[in-house]
């Protein structure tokens, strides 16, 4: 069998850690080959070796049977290897075409021939069904479109082998469907694809074979047609993983959060939360289901003090907290796992240890008369890192060096440790693997069982169905229905989220 890519016994080390330990991956022509592993298992590292961003300590790489030395990405490009990174490498102020030709510009009379480039970009875009406007500015197009620009960039450079790093992590369900279609078109056009992912549903739908790595070690390669999600999950995590969340029936008590007729405007001055009413009781998880952009972000920001409310009431344990400062809201007993962990959850260039006390650094024993006590800070961080299974070389490691799953565990540890009465979990498992998702769900249910109120906001319907005790559906800034997850279906929820009334939604189910 001829392989288009062979990575044989690759070893890659960083100070204090072996990221890839003797891993072999072989890509057949015309296949979609998944590279599966937990957050931090070494998947991206292995592909960065193939793309020339890292040099391996040991191992061989062959392209179409010939040994090669890929010392930088330009060599990878010349060998027909292109990579679509998880965090896009695009210049916001440039157009689509300017981004695509960057570094590969052709000139005419000393000037860049942008018209010729636009024509080529349009032709490639049409051929692969990418539907991208070559003249659009990057800052004006959606995340899904930006990803298509990244794909075009690799195709413009003549890539035959494409590496996709977690391509669906930032996409909406509709964009994911469209991307899967694009992958299929690429294969029909004779390309070969390596897909880095931890989403088992996508592997089952679109991949031919899958190579599993766990904690930097290759576990093996299997045919997708001969496996199932449960088997893949246990290969990836090293134990059985439950997809169904085990939890006893909730026993809700008094109201912890009471929101009445809340109105919030967005940054453009438009009303995005409109006369919203909601309550969350001690000892229950209320899930908010809705299509992105229906006021969820503004609702969370209004509760946590990050955004001013126009009118209405937000009470915590019977006390009014509307338009209090974020610190005051926190001190009143609110924990917040923010939906964007990089923007609002962590200071990425601080050590993870210091991130663990961002909510409490100004209190004893971490601070005395305004002077920080680093011994106490790092001692506390060490305890939390152990308790919440945050995998990091040490408490002094910068937060940005941790995988997404471990960054999220650190935030959850910090928030739960303060013992809040209300825990707001916004997109708590976005971009995480099945092992980390299972762990986070258990922690949320633990909080509920300890008599805390939990407000869960998620775009993953199965997460909302699985974890919530009650589901509040938000549409155009209003709660339009509150349903029991045991008495509803994903179809009914989908219709309610699209603005159907409960009776119509229920009726539609029989059609």
Protein backbone atom coordinates (compact mmCIF):
# COMPACT_ATOMS: atom_id res chain seq x y z
CA UNK A 1 0.00 0.00 0.00
CA UNK A 2 1.39 3.42 -0.97
CA UNK A 3 0.78 6.11 1.61
CA UNK A 4 0.79 9.82 0.75
CA UNK A 5 2.10 10.63 4.24
CA UNK A 6 3.99 8.44 6.70
CA UNK A 7 5.01 9.71 10.11
CA UNK A 8 7.05 6.92 11.66
CA UNK A 9 7.98 6.72 15.37
CA UNK A 10 7.85 10.49 15.91
CA UNK A 11 9.15 11.82 19.24
CA UNK A 12 8.77 15.48 20.20
CA UNK A 13 9.89 16.85 23.55
CA UNK A 14 9.44 20.20 25.29
CA UNK A 15 11.13 21.17 28.56
CA UNK A 16 9.77 18.78 31.20
CA UNK A 17 7.28 17.02 28.88
CA UNK A 18 7.24 14.43 26.09
CA UNK A 19 4.42 15.65 23.82
CA UNK A 20 4.74 12.85 21.22
CA UNK A 21 6.25 9.55 22.27
CA UNK A 22 7.03 7.23 19.34
CA UNK A 23 3.84 7.94 17.33
CA UNK A 24 3.14 6.51 13.87
CA UNK A 25 0.47 7.87 11.52
CA UNK A 26 -0.04 6.80 7.90
CA UNK A 27 -2.39 8.58 5.48
CA UNK A 28 -3.80 6.79 2.45
CA UNK A 29 -4.54 8.73 -0.76
CA UNK A 30 -8.12 9.99 -0.95
CA UNK A 31 -9.07 9.30 2.68
CA UNK A 32 -10.23 11.44 5.58
CA UNK A 33 -8.11 10.24 8.49
CA UNK A 34 -9.06 11.39 12.00
CA UNK A 35 -6.45 12.09 14.65
CA UNK A 36 -8.34 11.63 17.91
CA UNK A 37 -7.29 12.41 21.47
CA UNK A 38 -8.16 14.35 24.60
CA UNK A 39 -7.25 18.03 24.99
CA UNK A 40 -3.49 18.11 25.50
CA UNK A 41 -2.92 14.56 24.13
CA UNK A 42 -0.38 15.83 21.58
CA UNK A 43 -2.51 15.96 18.39
CA UNK A 44 -1.69 19.52 17.33
CA UNK A 45 1.98 19.00 18.22
CA UNK A 46 2.18 15.99 15.89
CA UNK A 47 0.61 17.96 13.03
CA UNK A 48 2.85 20.96 13.71
CA UNK A 49 5.78 18.56 13.22
CA UNK A 50 4.32 17.49 9.86
CA UNK A 51 3.78 21.14 8.85
CA UNK A 52 7.37 22.11 9.75
CA UNK A 53 6.53 24.34 12.75
CA UNK A 54 8.37 21.94 15.12
CA UNK A 55 11.35 19.66 14.55
CA UNK A 56 11.07 16.15 16.03
CA UNK A 57 13.79 14.69 18.25
CA UNK A 58 13.37 11.30 16.57
CA UNK A 59 11.41 9.65 13.77
CA UNK A 60 11.01 9.81 9.99
CA UNK A 61 8.54 11.50 7.66
CA UNK A 62 7.85 10.25 4.15
CA UNK A 63 5.76 11.96 1.49
CA UNK A 64 4.62 9.58 -1.29
CA UNK A 65 7.26 7.08 -0.19
CA UNK A 66 10.21 9.51 -0.20
CA UNK A 67 11.98 10.51 3.04
CA UNK A 68 11.72 14.29 3.62
CA UNK A 69 13.02 16.88 6.10
CA UNK A 70 10.34 19.50 6.75
CA UNK A 71 12.22 22.29 8.50
CA UNK A 72 9.63 25.04 7.90
CA UNK A 73 6.07 25.52 6.58
CA UNK A 74 7.33 26.69 3.16
CA UNK A 75 8.87 23.25 2.60
CA UNK A 76 5.56 21.65 3.70
CA UNK A 77 3.74 23.87 1.15
CA UNK A 78 6.20 22.87 -1.60
CA UNK A 79 5.49 19.20 -0.75
CA UNK A 80 1.74 19.84 -1.17
CA UNK A 81 0.89 19.92 2.56
CA UNK A 82 -1.48 22.67 3.79
CA UNK A 83 -2.74 23.30 7.32
CA UNK A 84 -5.95 25.00 8.47
CA UNK A 85 -5.14 26.07 12.03
CA UNK A 86 -7.63 26.13 14.91
CA UNK A 87 -6.89 29.82 15.51
CA UNK A 88 -7.06 31.41 12.08
CA UNK A 89 -3.95 33.14 10.71
CA UNK A 90 -5.71 36.03 8.95
CA UNK A 91 -5.18 39.80 8.78
CA UNK A 92 -8.49 41.43 9.75
CA UNK A 93 -8.06 44.58 7.69
CA UNK A 94 -7.09 42.77 4.48
CA UNK A 95 -9.54 41.41 1.93
CA UNK A 96 -10.05 37.70 1.33
CA UNK A 97 -7.78 37.80 -1.73
CA UNK A 98 -5.04 39.79 0.02
CA UNK A 99 -4.96 37.20 2.82
CA UNK A 100 -4.86 34.28 0.38
CA UNK A 101 -1.94 35.58 -1.72
CA UNK A 102 0.08 36.85 1.27
CA UNK A 103 3.63 35.54 0.80
CA UNK A 104 2.78 34.23 -2.70
CA UNK A 105 2.12 37.54 -4.46
CA UNK A 106 2.72 37.81 -8.20
CA UNK A 107 3.51 41.23 -9.62
CA UNK A 108 2.88 42.92 -12.93
CA UNK A 109 5.07 45.90 -13.73
CA UNK A 110 6.19 46.05 -10.10
CA UNK A 111 2.62 46.06 -8.75
CA UNK A 112 0.62 43.20 -7.29
CA UNK A 113 -1.85 41.99 -9.90
CA UNK A 114 -4.86 41.87 -7.54
CA UNK A 115 -7.41 41.45 -10.36
CA UNK A 116 -5.67 38.28 -11.61
CA UNK A 117 -5.45 36.97 -8.03
CA UNK A 118 -9.16 37.69 -7.41
CA UNK A 119 -10.05 35.75 -10.58
CA UNK A 120 -7.97 32.74 -9.44
CA UNK A 121 -9.48 32.86 -5.94
CA UNK A 122 -13.01 33.00 -7.39
CA UNK A 123 -12.28 30.00 -9.67
CA UNK A 124 -10.92 27.87 -6.80
CA UNK A 125 -13.80 28.94 -4.55
CA UNK A 126 -16.38 27.87 -7.14
CA UNK A 127 -14.63 24.61 -7.95
CA UNK A 128 -14.75 23.45 -4.30
CA UNK A 129 -18.16 24.94 -3.47
CA UNK A 130 -16.69 27.40 -0.93
CA UNK A 131 -18.81 30.41 -1.99
CA UNK A 132 -16.40 33.08 -0.70
CA UNK A 133 -16.42 36.68 -1.96
CA UNK A 134 -12.77 37.48 -2.93
CA UNK A 135 -13.29 41.21 -2.29
CA UNK A 136 -14.83 40.93 1.21
CA UNK A 137 -12.87 42.23 4.18
CA UNK A 138 -11.99 39.59 6.80
CA UNK A 139 -13.39 41.79 9.61
CA UNK A 140 -16.80 41.76 7.88
CA UNK A 141 -17.27 37.99 7.41
CA UNK A 142 -18.44 35.24 9.78
CA UNK A 143 -16.14 32.78 11.54
CA UNK A 144 -17.34 30.00 9.21
CA UNK A 145 -16.42 32.12 6.17
CA UNK A 146 -13.00 32.93 7.67
CA UNK A 147 -12.36 29.21 7.93
CA UNK A 148 -13.20 28.84 4.23
CA UNK A 149 -10.62 31.54 3.50
CA UNK A 150 -8.04 29.44 5.37
CA UNK A 151 -9.01 26.42 3.24
CA UNK A 152 -8.71 28.54 0.06
CA UNK A 153 -5.28 29.71 1.20
CA UNK A 154 -4.01 26.11 1.27
CA UNK A 155 -5.67 25.25 -2.08
CA UNK A 156 -4.21 28.38 -3.72
CA UNK A 157 -0.78 27.10 -2.73
CA UNK A 158 -1.49 23.79 -4.45
CA UNK A 159 -2.06 21.61 -1.35
CA UNK A 160 -2.89 17.96 -2.03
CA UNK A 161 -2.81 16.97 1.64
CA UNK A 162 -4.84 19.13 4.05
CA UNK A 163 -4.56 19.12 7.83
CA UNK A 164 -7.60 20.50 9.71
CA UNK A 165 -6.99 21.33 13.39
CA UNK A 166 -10.27 21.15 15.38
CA UNK A 167 -12.17 22.73 12.46
CA UNK A 168 -15.64 22.64 14.06
CA UNK A 169 -14.72 24.05 17.49
CA UNK A 170 -15.98 27.56 16.64
CA UNK A 171 -18.72 26.78 14.11
CA UNK A 172 -22.51 26.82 14.41
CA UNK A 173 -24.39 23.54 13.71
CA UNK A 174 -25.32 24.83 10.22
CA UNK A 175 -21.69 25.75 9.43
CA UNK A 176 -20.56 22.29 10.62
CA UNK A 177 -22.93 20.67 8.09
CA UNK A 178 -21.54 22.90 5.34
CA UNK A 179 -17.94 22.12 6.33
CA UNK A 180 -18.59 18.36 6.19
CA UNK A 181 -19.90 18.84 2.64
CA UNK A 182 -16.74 20.80 1.75
CA UNK A 183 -14.54 17.97 3.12
CA UNK A 184 -16.41 15.46 0.96
CA UNK A 185 -15.95 17.69 -2.13
CA UNK A 186 -12.21 17.99 -1.43
CA UNK A 187 -11.89 14.19 -1.34
CA UNK A 188 -13.83 13.86 -4.63
CA UNK A 189 -11.32 16.30 -6.14
CA UNK A 190 -8.47 13.95 -5.20
CA UNK A 191 -7.25 15.50 -1.94
CA UNK A 192 -6.31 13.57 1.23
CA UNK A 193 -7.25 14.96 4.66
CA UNK A 194 -6.07 14.62 8.26
CA UNK A 195 -8.75 15.82 10.68
CA UNK A 196 -7.69 16.63 14.26
CA UNK A 197 -10.77 16.34 16.45
CA UNK A 198 -12.32 14.96 19.61
CA UNK A 199 -15.90 15.03 18.31
CA UNK A 200 -16.93 11.41 17.87
CA UNK A 201 -20.11 12.22 15.94
CA UNK A 202 -18.12 13.90 13.18
CA UNK A 203 -15.62 11.05 12.97
CA UNK A 204 -18.41 8.52 12.52
CA UNK A 205 -20.03 10.69 9.85
CA UNK A 206 -17.11 11.66 7.66
CA UNK A 207 -13.88 9.74 8.38
CA UNK A 208 -12.47 6.52 6.90
CA UNK A 209 -9.88 5.65 9.55
CA UNK A 210 -8.91 7.04 12.93
CA UNK A 211 -5.60 7.10 14.80
CA UNK A 212 -5.98 7.50 18.57
CA UNK A 213 -3.36 9.11 20.80
CA UNK A 214 -3.50 9.27 24.58
CA UNK A 215 -1.16 11.38 26.72
CA UNK A 216 1.31 11.63 23.85
CA UNK A 217 1.38 7.91 23.04
CA UNK A 218 -0.10 6.26 19.93
CA UNK A 219 -2.83 3.78 20.94
CA UNK A 220 -3.59 2.48 17.44
CA UNK A 221 -5.43 2.99 14.15
CA UNK A 222 -8.89 1.57 13.44
CA UNK A 223 -11.36 1.60 10.53
CA UNK A 224 -14.33 3.82 11.36
CA UNK A 225 -16.74 1.27 9.82
CA UNK A 226 -15.54 -1.32 12.37
CA UNK A 227 -15.88 0.80 15.53
CA UNK A 228 -18.43 2.89 17.47
CA UNK A 229 -18.42 6.07 19.59
CA UNK A 230 -18.21 4.17 22.91
CA UNK A 231 -15.16 2.19 21.82
CA UNK A 232 -13.45 5.32 20.46
CA UNK A 233 -14.19 7.22 23.68
CA UNK A 234 -12.61 4.54 25.86
CA UNK A 235 -9.57 4.28 23.53
CA UNK A 236 -9.15 8.04 23.81
CA UNK A 237 -9.63 8.40 27.57
CA UNK A 238 -8.38 4.99 28.71
CA UNK A 239 -11.57 4.03 30.52
CA UNK A 240 -15.30 3.74 29.87
CA UNK A 241 -17.00 7.09 29.33
CA UNK A 242 -20.68 7.64 30.06
CA UNK A 243 -22.47 9.82 27.52
CA UNK A 244 -25.61 9.88 29.65
CA UNK A 245 -25.21 11.97 32.77
CA UNK A 246 -26.06 10.04 35.93
CA UNK A 247 -28.06 12.13 38.34
CA UNK A 248 -30.76 11.69 40.94
CA UNK A 249 -34.02 13.66 40.63
CA UNK A 250 -33.59 17.24 41.78
CA UNK A 251 -35.10 18.46 45.02
CA UNK A 252 -35.39 22.22 44.48
CA UNK A 253 -35.95 24.50 47.46
CA UNK A 254 -36.27 28.30 47.70
CA UNK A 255 -35.54 30.73 44.83
CA UNK A 256 -31.90 31.84 44.69
CA UNK A 257 -32.10 33.88 41.48
CA UNK A 258 -35.26 35.84 40.57
CA UNK A 259 -35.31 37.95 37.39
CA UNK A 260 -38.37 40.08 36.71
CA UNK A 261 -39.14 42.14 33.57
CA UNK A 262 -35.45 42.57 32.73
CA UNK A 263 -34.52 44.84 29.80
CA UNK A 264 -30.97 45.06 28.45
CA UNK A 265 -29.62 46.84 25.36
CA UNK A 266 -26.62 45.74 23.31
CA UNK A 267 -23.61 47.91 22.40
CA UNK A 268 -25.58 49.43 19.48
CA UNK A 269 -28.41 50.51 21.79
CA UNK A 270 -30.86 47.87 20.55
CA UNK A 271 -33.06 45.98 23.03
CA UNK A 272 -31.74 42.39 23.19
CA UNK A 273 -33.22 41.23 26.51
CA UNK A 274 -36.92 42.14 26.60
CA UNK A 275 -39.08 41.88 29.72
CA UNK A 276 -37.35 38.62 30.62
CA UNK A 277 -38.61 36.61 33.60
CA UNK A 278 -36.70 33.66 35.09
CA UNK A 279 -36.07 32.01 38.43
CA UNK A 280 -33.51 29.42 39.53
CA UNK A 281 -33.99 27.54 42.81
CA UNK A 282 -31.48 26.05 45.23
CA UNK A 283 -30.76 22.44 44.29
CA UNK A 284 -31.60 22.61 40.56
CA UNK A 285 -29.91 23.16 37.20
CA UNK A 286 -31.84 25.41 34.83
CA UNK A 287 -30.61 25.19 31.23
CA UNK A 288 -31.15 28.04 28.79
CA UNK A 289 -31.71 26.76 25.25
CA UNK A 290 -31.63 29.12 22.30
CA UNK A 291 -30.01 29.91 18.98
CA UNK A 292 -26.88 32.05 19.41
CA UNK A 293 -27.67 35.78 19.38
CA UNK A 294 -31.03 35.73 21.17
CA UNK A 295 -29.83 37.67 24.21
CA UNK A 296 -28.00 34.92 26.11
CA UNK A 297 -24.67 36.82 26.38
CA UNK A 298 -26.35 40.04 27.47
CA UNK A 299 -28.43 38.19 30.07
CA UNK A 300 -25.30 36.65 31.66
CA UNK A 301 -23.48 40.01 31.56
CA UNK A 302 -26.46 41.73 33.21
CA UNK A 303 -26.60 39.16 36.06
CA UNK A 304 -22.81 39.26 36.64
CA UNK A 305 -22.56 43.08 36.53
CA UNK A 306 -20.58 43.20 33.27
CA UNK A 307 -23.36 45.11 31.47
CA UNK A 308 -25.84 47.74 32.62
CA UNK A 309 -29.52 46.82 32.59
CA UNK A 310 -32.10 49.39 31.44
CA UNK A 311 -34.85 48.31 33.83
CA UNK A 312 -36.30 45.38 35.74
CA UNK A 313 -35.12 43.43 38.75
CA UNK A 314 -32.41 40.82 39.45
CA UNK A 315 -32.56 39.40 42.96
CA UNK A 316 -30.11 37.01 44.60
CA UNK A 317 -31.42 35.40 47.79
CA UNK A 318 -34.08 38.13 47.92
CA UNK A 319 -31.58 41.02 47.62
CA UNK A 320 -31.51 43.34 44.59
CA UNK A 321 -28.21 43.06 42.66
CA UNK A 322 -29.13 44.82 39.39
CA UNK A 323 -26.33 47.10 38.11
CA UNK A 324 -23.97 46.24 40.95
CA UNK A 325 -20.26 46.07 40.08
CA UNK A 326 -18.90 42.63 39.06
CA UNK A 327 -16.87 42.38 42.28
CA UNK A 328 -19.92 43.17 44.42
CA UNK A 329 -22.00 40.56 42.52
CA UNK A 330 -19.22 38.02 43.06
CA UNK A 331 -19.08 38.82 46.79
CA UNK A 332 -22.86 38.46 47.06
CA UNK A 333 -22.47 34.79 46.09
CA UNK A 334 -22.33 34.43 42.29
CA UNK A 335 -19.79 32.17 40.53
CA UNK A 336 -19.26 32.68 36.79
CA UNK A 337 -17.72 30.28 34.26
CA UNK A 338 -17.58 32.68 31.27
CA UNK A 339 -18.36 31.60 27.71
CA UNK A 340 -15.04 32.93 26.38
CA UNK A 341 -12.40 31.52 28.70
CA UNK A 342 -9.58 33.47 27.02
CA UNK A 343 -11.29 36.85 27.00
CA UNK A 344 -13.12 36.80 30.35
CA UNK A 345 -11.89 33.75 32.26
CA UNK A 346 -8.11 33.96 32.39
CA UNK A 347 -5.16 36.31 32.11
CA UNK A 348 -3.29 34.14 29.62
CA UNK A 349 0.16 35.61 30.31
CA UNK A 350 -0.14 35.10 34.09
CA UNK A 351 0.93 31.77 35.63
CA UNK A 352 -1.99 29.39 36.16
CA UNK A 353 -1.41 29.70 39.94
CA UNK A 354 -2.17 33.43 39.90
CA UNK A 355 -5.24 32.84 37.71
CA UNK A 356 -6.65 30.62 40.49
CA UNK A 357 -7.03 33.64 42.83
CA UNK A 358 -8.29 36.29 40.39
CA UNK A 359 -11.54 36.57 42.40
CA UNK A 360 -9.96 36.54 45.85
CA UNK A 361 -6.40 37.95 45.55
CA UNK A 362 -7.33 41.11 47.51
CA UNK A 363 -8.48 39.13 50.57
CA UNK A 364 -6.53 37.46 53.37
CA UNK A 365 -4.44 35.31 53.31
CA UNK A 366 -3.48 36.21 49.71
CA UNK A 367 -3.02 39.90 50.46
CA UNK A 368 -2.07 41.95 53.50
CA UNK A 369 -2.30 45.77 53.44
CA UNK A 370 -2.31 45.65 49.65
CA UNK A 371 0.81 43.46 49.36
CA UNK A 372 0.35 40.08 47.66
CA UNK A 373 1.48 36.97 49.54
CA UNK A 374 2.73 34.74 46.71
CA UNK A 375 3.56 31.86 49.04
CA UNK A 376 -0.13 31.61 50.06
CA UNK A 377 -1.33 32.17 46.46
CA UNK A 378 0.74 29.34 45.03
CA UNK A 379 0.01 27.04 47.96
CA UNK A 380 -3.73 27.52 47.36
CA UNK A 381 -3.27 27.05 43.60
CA UNK A 382 -1.41 23.79 44.16
CA UNK A 383 -4.33 22.43 46.22
CA UNK A 384 -6.93 23.44 43.60
CA UNK A 385 -4.84 22.08 40.71
CA UNK A 386 -4.76 18.70 42.46
CA UNK A 387 -8.42 18.75 43.49
CA UNK A 388 -9.74 19.69 40.02
CA UNK A 389 -7.30 17.51 38.07
CA UNK A 390 -5.75 20.44 36.16
CA UNK A 391 -2.93 18.88 34.14
CA UNK A 392 -0.06 21.34 34.09
CA UNK A 393 3.74 20.94 34.47
CA UNK A 394 3.48 23.22 37.54
CA UNK A 395 1.47 26.01 39.14
CA UNK A 396 4.02 28.46 37.65
CA UNK A 397 3.21 27.49 34.03
CA UNK A 398 1.60 30.30 32.01
CA UNK A 399 -2.16 29.83 31.54
CA UNK A 400 -1.85 30.05 27.74
CA UNK A 401 0.39 26.94 27.70
CA UNK A 402 -2.41 24.70 29.05
CA UNK A 403 -4.87 22.84 26.81
CA UNK A 404 -8.45 24.18 26.59
CA UNK A 405 -9.79 21.45 28.87
CA UNK A 406 -7.27 22.19 31.59
CA UNK A 407 -7.83 25.95 31.33
CA UNK A 408 -11.55 25.26 31.81
CA UNK A 409 -10.95 22.99 34.84
CA UNK A 410 -8.85 25.76 36.41
CA UNK A 411 -11.70 28.30 35.99
CA UNK A 412 -14.25 25.83 37.38
CA UNK A 413 -11.98 25.07 40.35
CA UNK A 414 -11.56 28.76 41.11
CA UNK A 415 -15.32 29.46 40.92
CA UNK A 416 -16.55 26.37 42.82
CA UNK A 417 -13.95 26.78 45.57
CA UNK A 418 -15.57 30.10 46.57
CA UNK A 419 -18.75 28.16 47.35
CA UNK A 420 -21.18 30.45 45.48
CA UNK A 421 -24.96 30.21 45.98
CA UNK A 422 -25.51 30.68 42.22
CA UNK A 423 -23.12 29.19 39.66
CA UNK A 424 -23.50 30.49 36.09
CA UNK A 425 -21.95 28.10 33.58
CA UNK A 426 -21.86 29.60 30.07
CA UNK A 427 -20.75 27.18 27.32
CA UNK A 428 -18.79 25.25 29.99
CA UNK A 429 -17.74 22.42 27.63
CA UNK A 430 -17.21 24.32 24.35
CA UNK A 431 -14.32 22.77 22.43
CA UNK A 432 -13.63 20.08 25.05
CA UNK A 433 -13.24 16.31 24.65
CA UNK A 434 -15.61 13.65 26.03
CA UNK A 435 -13.50 12.99 29.14
CA UNK A 436 -13.39 16.68 30.12
CA UNK A 437 -17.11 17.11 29.30
CA UNK A 438 -18.03 14.18 31.56
CA UNK A 439 -15.88 15.64 34.37
CA UNK A 440 -17.45 19.13 34.08
CA UNK A 441 -21.02 17.76 34.00
CA UNK A 442 -20.29 15.78 37.19
CA UNK A 443 -19.02 18.93 38.91
CA UNK A 444 -22.15 20.92 37.94
CA UNK A 445 -24.41 18.15 39.26
CA UNK A 446 -22.32 17.99 42.46
CA UNK A 447 -22.99 21.72 42.99
CA UNK A 448 -26.70 21.13 42.49
CA UNK A 449 -26.67 18.22 44.96
CA UNK A 450 -25.00 20.46 47.54
CA UNK A 451 -28.05 22.75 47.34
CA UNK A 452 -26.60 25.35 44.98
CA UNK A 453 -28.50 26.97 42.11
CA UNK A 454 -26.92 26.37 38.68
CA UNK A 455 -27.74 28.32 35.52
CA UNK A 456 -26.41 26.54 32.42
CA UNK A 457 -26.23 28.31 29.06
CA UNK A 458 -25.25 26.12 26.12
CA UNK A 459 -25.79 25.83 22.36
CA UNK A 460 -25.33 22.04 22.58
CA UNK A 461 -28.88 20.70 22.75
CA UNK A 462 -27.86 17.28 24.03
CA UNK A 463 -25.94 18.98 26.89
CA UNK A 464 -29.02 21.03 27.80
CA UNK A 465 -31.26 17.91 27.65
CA UNK A 466 -28.79 15.77 29.59
CA UNK A 467 -27.79 18.05 32.46
CA UNK A 468 -30.77 20.37 33.11
CA UNK A 469 -33.64 19.75 35.55
CA UNK A 470 -35.70 22.47 33.80
CA UNK A 471 -35.12 24.06 30.39
CA UNK A 472 -35.95 27.72 29.71
CA UNK A 473 -36.13 28.53 25.99
CA UNK A 474 -34.96 32.01 25.01
CA UNK A 475 -36.11 33.65 21.77
CA UNK A 476 -35.50 37.29 20.82
CA UNK A 477 -34.57 38.14 24.40
CA UNK A 478 -37.60 36.57 26.06
CA UNK A 479 -38.16 33.28 27.86
CA UNK A 480 -40.89 31.82 25.62
CA UNK A 481 -41.31 28.45 27.38
CA UNK A 482 -40.08 26.46 30.36
CA UNK A 483 -40.10 22.70 29.75
CA UNK A 484 -39.21 19.51 31.56
CA UNK A 485 -36.35 17.69 29.72
CA UNK A 486 -38.08 14.36 30.43
CA UNK A 487 -41.29 15.60 28.76
CA UNK A 488 -39.81 17.16 25.60
CA UNK A 489 -37.80 16.24 22.50
CA UNK A 490 -34.97 17.91 20.59
CA UNK A 491 -37.47 18.58 17.77
CA UNK A 492 -39.85 20.43 20.09
CA UNK A 493 -36.99 22.42 21.61
CA UNK A 494 -35.72 23.28 18.12
CA UNK A 495 -39.14 24.62 17.13
CA UNK A 496 -39.46 26.66 20.35
CA UNK A 497 -35.97 28.06 19.77
CA UNK A 498 -37.09 29.12 16.29
CA UNK A 499 -40.04 31.05 17.74
CA UNK A 500 -42.88 28.50 17.63
CA UNK A 501 -45.44 28.60 20.42
CA UNK A 502 -45.52 25.61 22.77
CA UNK A 503 -48.84 24.28 21.43
CA UNK A 504 -47.71 24.58 17.81
CA UNK A 505 -44.37 22.99 18.67
CA UNK A 506 -46.11 20.11 20.42
CA UNK A 507 -48.49 19.73 17.49
CA UNK A 508 -45.67 19.76 14.97
CA UNK A 509 -44.17 16.66 16.58
CA UNK A 510 -47.04 14.52 15.28
CA UNK A 511 -46.68 15.66 11.68
